[in-house]
Protein backbone atom coordinates (compact mmCIF):
# COMPACT_ATOMS: atom_id res chain seq x y z
CA MET A 1 49.12 202.05 0.39
CA ASP A 2 52.54 201.24 0.09
CA GLY A 3 53.39 197.85 2.17
CA GLY A 4 49.56 197.16 2.85
CA GLY A 5 49.32 199.45 5.51
CA VAL A 6 46.09 201.51 6.74
CA ALA A 7 45.84 205.00 5.21
CA LEU A 8 45.91 207.69 8.32
CA ASN A 9 44.30 211.21 7.74
CA ILE A 10 47.36 213.55 8.90
CA LEU A 11 47.65 217.12 9.66
CA VAL A 12 50.80 218.33 9.03
CA THR A 13 52.02 221.93 10.65
CA GLY A 14 54.81 224.19 9.56
CA ALA A 15 53.84 222.22 5.91
CA ASN A 16 55.93 224.94 4.03
CA GLY A 17 58.78 224.91 5.90
CA PHE A 18 61.89 222.39 4.82
CA ILE A 19 60.93 219.34 6.65
CA GLY A 20 57.44 220.44 5.97
CA LYS A 21 57.35 220.14 2.78
CA LYS A 22 59.44 216.59 2.38
CA VAL A 23 57.66 214.99 5.08
CA SER A 24 54.03 216.00 3.45
CA SER A 25 55.13 214.76 0.10
CA ALA A 26 56.43 211.35 1.46
CA LEU A 27 53.63 210.68 3.30
CA GLU A 28 51.20 211.50 0.33
CA HIS A 29 53.71 209.11 -1.58
CA GLU A 30 53.31 206.54 1.13
CA GLY A 31 49.20 206.99 0.57
CA HIS A 32 48.33 209.01 3.20
CA ARG A 33 45.70 211.96 3.11
CA ILE A 34 47.62 214.86 4.40
CA TYR A 35 46.34 218.51 5.12
CA ARG A 36 48.91 221.11 5.14
CA LEU A 37 48.74 223.69 7.77
CA VAL A 38 50.62 226.81 6.81
CA ARG A 39 51.01 230.09 8.09
CA SER A 40 50.81 231.45 4.40
CA GLY A 41 51.58 231.27 0.83
CA GLY A 42 49.67 227.65 0.91
CA ASN A 43 48.81 226.67 -2.72
CA LYS A 44 44.95 227.42 -2.17
CA SER A 45 44.12 223.74 -2.44
CA LYS A 46 41.28 222.22 -0.76
CA ASP A 47 43.92 220.44 1.66
CA THR A 48 45.96 223.10 2.84
CA ILE A 49 44.98 225.76 5.73
CA GLU A 50 46.61 228.78 6.34
CA VAL A 51 46.35 229.64 9.95
CA ASP A 52 48.73 231.61 12.34
CA LEU A 53 49.00 229.07 15.50
CA THR A 54 50.04 232.20 17.41
CA ASP A 55 46.49 233.72 16.79
CA ASN A 56 43.85 232.05 19.20
CA ASN A 57 41.06 233.90 17.09
CA GLN A 58 41.95 231.93 14.04
CA VAL A 59 42.65 228.67 15.52
CA ILE A 60 39.19 228.29 17.15
CA ASP A 61 37.67 229.69 14.01
CA PHE A 62 39.96 226.78 12.32
CA CYS A 63 38.70 223.98 14.87
CA LYS A 64 35.12 225.19 14.17
CA HIS A 65 34.89 224.68 10.19
CA PHE A 66 37.60 221.72 9.96
CA LYS A 67 35.95 219.53 12.24
CA ASN A 68 32.72 219.63 11.12
CA GLU A 69 34.14 218.77 7.31
CA LYS A 70 37.03 216.49 7.84
CA GLN A 71 38.37 213.57 10.03
CA VAL A 72 42.15 213.24 10.99
CA ASP A 73 43.74 210.98 12.95
CA MET A 74 46.86 212.41 14.13
CA VAL A 75 49.00 215.65 13.70
CA ILE A 76 52.83 216.11 12.93
CA HIS A 77 53.85 219.25 14.89
CA LEU A 78 56.51 221.18 12.87
CA ALA A 79 55.59 224.43 13.22
CA SER A 80 58.06 226.77 15.75
CA LYS A 81 59.39 230.10 15.22
CA MET A 82 63.06 230.49 15.11
CA ALA A 83 65.62 232.80 16.62
CA ASP A 84 66.50 235.98 14.91
CA TYR A 85 70.40 236.61 15.72
CA LYS A 86 70.06 240.44 14.50
CA HIS A 87 68.07 240.92 17.88
CA ASP A 88 69.57 241.18 21.79
CA GLU A 89 68.75 238.61 24.04
CA TYR A 90 66.00 240.33 25.23
CA GLN A 91 64.00 240.74 21.58
CA GLN A 92 64.49 237.03 21.11
CA LEU A 93 62.24 236.08 23.80
CA SER A 94 59.72 236.56 21.38
CA VAL A 95 60.58 232.88 20.16
CA LEU A 96 59.61 231.61 23.72
CA GLU A 97 56.75 233.42 23.99
CA ASP A 98 55.62 232.59 20.43
CA ASN A 99 56.61 228.84 20.59
CA ILE A 100 54.50 228.26 23.87
CA GLU A 101 51.77 230.15 21.93
CA ILE A 102 51.90 227.68 19.23
CA THR A 103 51.82 224.97 21.60
CA LYS A 104 48.87 226.46 23.59
CA ASN A 105 46.78 226.19 20.43
CA MET A 106 48.21 222.67 19.25
CA VAL A 107 46.99 221.31 22.71
CA LEU A 108 43.32 223.21 21.15
CA ILE A 109 43.61 221.85 18.24
CA THR A 110 44.29 218.11 19.13
CA LYS A 111 41.29 218.75 21.97
CA LYS A 112 38.64 219.68 19.52
CA LEU A 113 39.55 217.48 16.29
CA LYS A 114 40.11 214.37 19.05
CA LEU A 115 43.09 213.53 17.81
CA ASN A 116 44.51 209.73 18.77
CA LYS A 117 48.69 211.22 18.16
CA ILE A 118 50.83 213.94 18.36
CA ILE A 119 54.18 213.69 16.71
CA ASN A 120 56.22 216.46 18.11
CA LEU A 121 59.38 217.47 16.40
CA SER A 122 61.24 219.02 19.51
CA SER A 123 65.21 219.87 19.38
CA ILE A 124 68.57 218.54 21.03
CA ALA A 125 68.89 222.29 21.27
CA VAL A 126 67.11 221.09 24.86
CA TYR A 127 70.65 219.55 25.75
CA PRO A 128 73.53 221.56 27.26
CA ASN A 129 76.20 222.40 24.06
CA ILE A 130 78.81 221.37 26.47
CA ASP A 131 81.17 218.26 26.30
CA GLY A 132 79.86 214.73 27.19
CA VAL A 133 76.93 212.29 25.86
CA PHE A 134 73.58 212.69 25.70
CA ASP A 135 70.58 210.58 26.08
CA GLU A 136 67.34 211.50 26.97
CA ASN A 137 67.41 211.25 30.63
CA SER A 138 70.61 213.94 30.61
CA LYS A 139 70.57 217.14 32.18
CA ILE A 140 68.33 219.54 30.60
CA ASP A 141 69.84 222.60 30.65
CA MET A 142 70.46 224.97 27.68
CA SER A 143 71.52 228.32 29.16
CA SER A 144 74.88 227.87 27.97
CA ASN A 145 73.45 227.62 24.30
CA SER A 146 73.40 230.24 21.10
CA ASP A 147 69.96 228.71 20.71
CA CYS A 148 68.94 228.78 24.73
CA LEU A 149 65.67 230.61 24.02
CA TYR A 150 64.29 228.27 20.85
CA GLY A 151 65.44 225.31 23.08
CA LEU A 152 63.79 226.06 26.37
CA SER A 153 60.78 226.57 23.84
CA LYS A 154 60.71 223.21 22.48
CA PHE A 155 61.55 222.09 26.07
CA CYS A 156 58.23 223.77 27.29
CA SER A 157 56.38 222.31 24.27
CA GLU A 158 57.05 218.71 25.48
CA ASN A 159 56.22 218.86 28.78
CA ILE A 160 53.19 221.04 28.46
CA PHE A 161 51.58 218.18 25.50
CA GLN A 162 52.88 215.62 28.11
CA TYR A 163 51.08 217.09 30.73
CA MET A 164 48.01 218.01 29.08
CA PHE A 165 47.34 214.52 27.23
CA LYS A 166 48.78 212.38 30.76
CA ASN A 167 45.21 211.05 31.38
CA GLU A 168 44.27 210.98 27.91
CA LYS A 169 44.17 208.30 24.96
CA THR A 170 46.20 210.52 23.04
CA VAL A 171 49.96 209.27 22.33
CA VAL A 172 52.19 212.05 22.70
CA THR A 173 55.84 211.67 20.99
CA ASN A 174 58.50 214.17 21.11
CA LEU A 175 61.28 213.36 18.78
CA ARG A 176 64.47 215.83 19.89
CA VAL A 177 66.23 216.04 16.53
CA ALA A 178 69.53 216.68 15.46
CA GLN A 179 70.52 219.25 12.92
CA VAL A 180 68.70 218.17 9.67
CA TYR A 181 70.52 218.74 5.79
CA GLY A 182 69.58 217.95 2.67
CA GLU A 183 68.16 219.60 -0.64
CA GLY A 184 66.29 222.70 0.15
CA MET A 185 67.46 223.79 3.55
CA ARG A 186 67.54 227.31 4.81
CA ASP A 187 70.20 229.38 3.81
CA ASP A 188 71.07 230.28 7.28
CA ARG A 189 72.26 226.63 8.70
CA ILE A 190 75.75 226.05 8.43
CA ILE A 191 76.37 223.91 5.59
CA PRO A 192 74.90 226.32 3.47
CA ILE A 193 77.03 229.19 4.23
CA MET A 194 80.02 227.24 4.67
CA ARG A 195 78.75 226.11 1.19
CA SER A 196 78.19 229.81 -0.07
CA GLU A 197 81.47 231.30 1.56
CA LEU A 198 83.39 227.93 -0.55
CA LYS A 199 81.67 229.09 -3.61
CA GLU A 200 82.28 232.94 -3.19
CA GLU A 201 85.54 233.27 -1.71
CA ASN A 202 87.02 229.63 -1.91
CA THR A 203 87.40 229.46 1.71
CA ILE A 204 85.32 227.79 4.72
CA THR A 205 85.86 230.11 7.62
CA VAL A 206 85.47 227.46 10.68
CA PHE A 207 85.36 228.71 14.51
CA GLY A 208 86.63 227.20 17.41
CA GLN A 209 89.36 225.70 15.11
CA GLY A 210 87.03 223.25 14.32
CA GLU A 211 86.93 221.15 17.22
CA ARG A 212 83.12 221.47 17.61
CA ILE A 213 81.09 218.46 17.56
CA SER A 214 77.65 217.84 16.46
CA ASN A 215 74.99 215.17 15.43
CA PHE A 216 73.39 215.47 11.62
CA ILE A 217 70.65 213.70 9.95
CA HIS A 218 69.73 213.79 6.44
CA ILE A 219 66.17 214.59 5.33
CA ASP A 220 65.65 211.87 3.56
CA LYS A 221 66.53 210.10 7.01
CA LEU A 222 64.76 211.63 9.05
CA ILE A 223 61.54 210.85 6.85
CA GLU A 224 61.89 207.35 7.18
CA ILE A 225 62.18 207.72 11.46
CA ILE A 226 59.26 209.94 10.97
CA LYS A 227 57.39 207.36 8.96
CA CYS A 228 57.71 204.65 11.40
CA PHE A 229 56.42 207.01 14.52
CA VAL A 230 53.11 207.36 12.10
CA VAL A 231 52.17 203.75 11.62
CA ASN A 232 53.52 202.65 15.15
CA ASP A 233 52.18 204.23 18.55
CA ILE A 234 55.36 204.59 20.82
CA ASP A 235 55.14 207.33 23.19
CA GLY A 236 57.89 209.44 25.22
CA VAL A 237 61.04 210.92 24.46
CA CYS A 238 63.54 209.84 21.61
CA ASN A 239 66.86 211.34 20.33
CA ILE A 240 66.83 211.43 16.79
CA GLY A 241 70.08 211.55 14.96
CA ASP A 242 72.63 210.45 12.84
CA GLU A 243 76.68 211.35 12.50
CA SER A 244 79.05 212.66 15.21
CA LEU A 245 80.82 215.38 12.67
CA SER A 246 83.30 217.65 13.91
CA TYR A 247 82.54 221.92 12.41
CA MET A 248 86.13 220.54 10.50
CA ASP A 249 84.83 217.56 8.99
CA ILE A 250 81.79 219.15 7.31
CA ALA A 251 84.69 221.82 5.65
CA LYS A 252 86.95 219.26 4.40
CA SER A 253 83.98 217.34 2.92
CA LEU A 254 82.08 220.33 1.09
CA ILE A 255 86.09 221.31 -0.18
CA GLY A 256 86.41 217.56 -1.18
CA GLU A 257 82.92 217.83 -3.27
CA TYR A 258 82.57 221.24 -4.25
CA GLY A 259 86.36 222.84 -3.85
CA ASN A 260 89.66 222.91 -5.94
CA GLY A 261 93.37 222.69 -4.88
CA ALA A 262 93.26 226.07 -4.01
CA SER A 263 90.37 225.76 -1.97
CA ARG A 264 91.39 226.40 2.11
CA ILE A 265 90.21 226.09 5.68
CA ILE A 266 90.38 229.09 7.70
CA LEU A 267 90.67 228.31 11.07
CA LYS A 268 89.61 230.87 13.74
CA ASP A 269 89.86 230.85 17.58
CA ASN A 270 86.68 232.35 19.27
CA GLY A 271 83.30 229.89 18.70
CA VAL A 272 81.81 226.69 20.57
CA ARG A 273 84.39 223.64 20.93
CA ALA A 274 82.32 221.83 22.51
CA LYS A 275 82.06 217.87 21.83
CA PHE A 276 78.62 216.98 21.78
CA VAL A 277 77.57 213.21 21.57
CA LEU A 278 73.93 212.32 20.59
CA ASP A 279 73.21 209.16 22.22
CA THR A 280 70.48 206.91 19.63
CA LYS A 281 70.13 203.68 21.41
CA LYS A 282 66.76 204.08 22.14
CA MET A 283 66.22 205.45 18.30
CA LYS A 284 68.02 202.45 17.11
CA GLU A 285 66.06 199.78 19.48
CA ILE A 286 62.94 201.61 18.11
CA ILE A 287 64.02 201.22 14.26
CA ASN A 288 64.90 197.18 14.88
CA ASN A 289 61.74 196.55 17.16
CA PHE A 290 58.99 198.43 14.80
CA CYS A 291 60.55 199.24 11.58
CA ILE A 292 63.19 197.11 10.12
CA ASN A 293 60.77 194.57 8.28
CA SER A 294 58.95 197.36 6.76
CA GLN A 295 59.03 197.32 2.96
CA LYS A 296 61.75 200.03 2.60
CA GLY A 297 63.31 199.77 6.21
CA ILE A 298 65.46 202.97 7.49
CA ARG A 299 68.39 203.86 5.00
């Protein structure tokens, strides 16, 4: 194994997703044994298991068979349901219901398989989308966010994990991750949407006059940070992010890379203008204390 560390047996949920595929491959490359938990579309290998995490019967069956055959040290929990904005707010309540059901079943898996650690991918959607600087102790209020129910489900999951394992030896790490981008990301994320419009129309439409600021992190950097948490027992909540960028910055960058002299930005008044700044001091301290001397370090 790279760096002389101990090879771990790791369960990864949501392993067919953008982040899940990248994380699984990277950790496998490091010498860890990866068991991929997917809802469907697995490659049918012995280390890829199809389980619907919203189905308690499937989860019970998985635990019964898996614990007799495999030994797993920890889980990286990436599986979740995203909001479908084609539906109204009431219909979107299913996001909350399904993600809490997934969390409930992850508690069952963790207890039945006697896992030592949970790394739970949460989200900055737990914070209000308003002007301000937000650290791990900042106000939690997602009611003004378009991602309200998704953010609420993530915050509920954090607390369920912390509560259910507070008197046990299981390490619970909740990572509140910024907007992740990189090759293979979903087409309905802001960067692919802008890039698609630029390719088709040679324009990029930016709402809120391009004033909105959020935090973004490249998938490669996120993976290096997750590696740090895999090999170190660091419990609690941690913001994970990198660059604070305005949506105008993103549009200009994409035009600089993919556009031409005729490319233009179309500004719209309607839309979010919040200047949200993610405080990542805790993350940087963890990297400096635990990972700065690793073989590859954090890029």
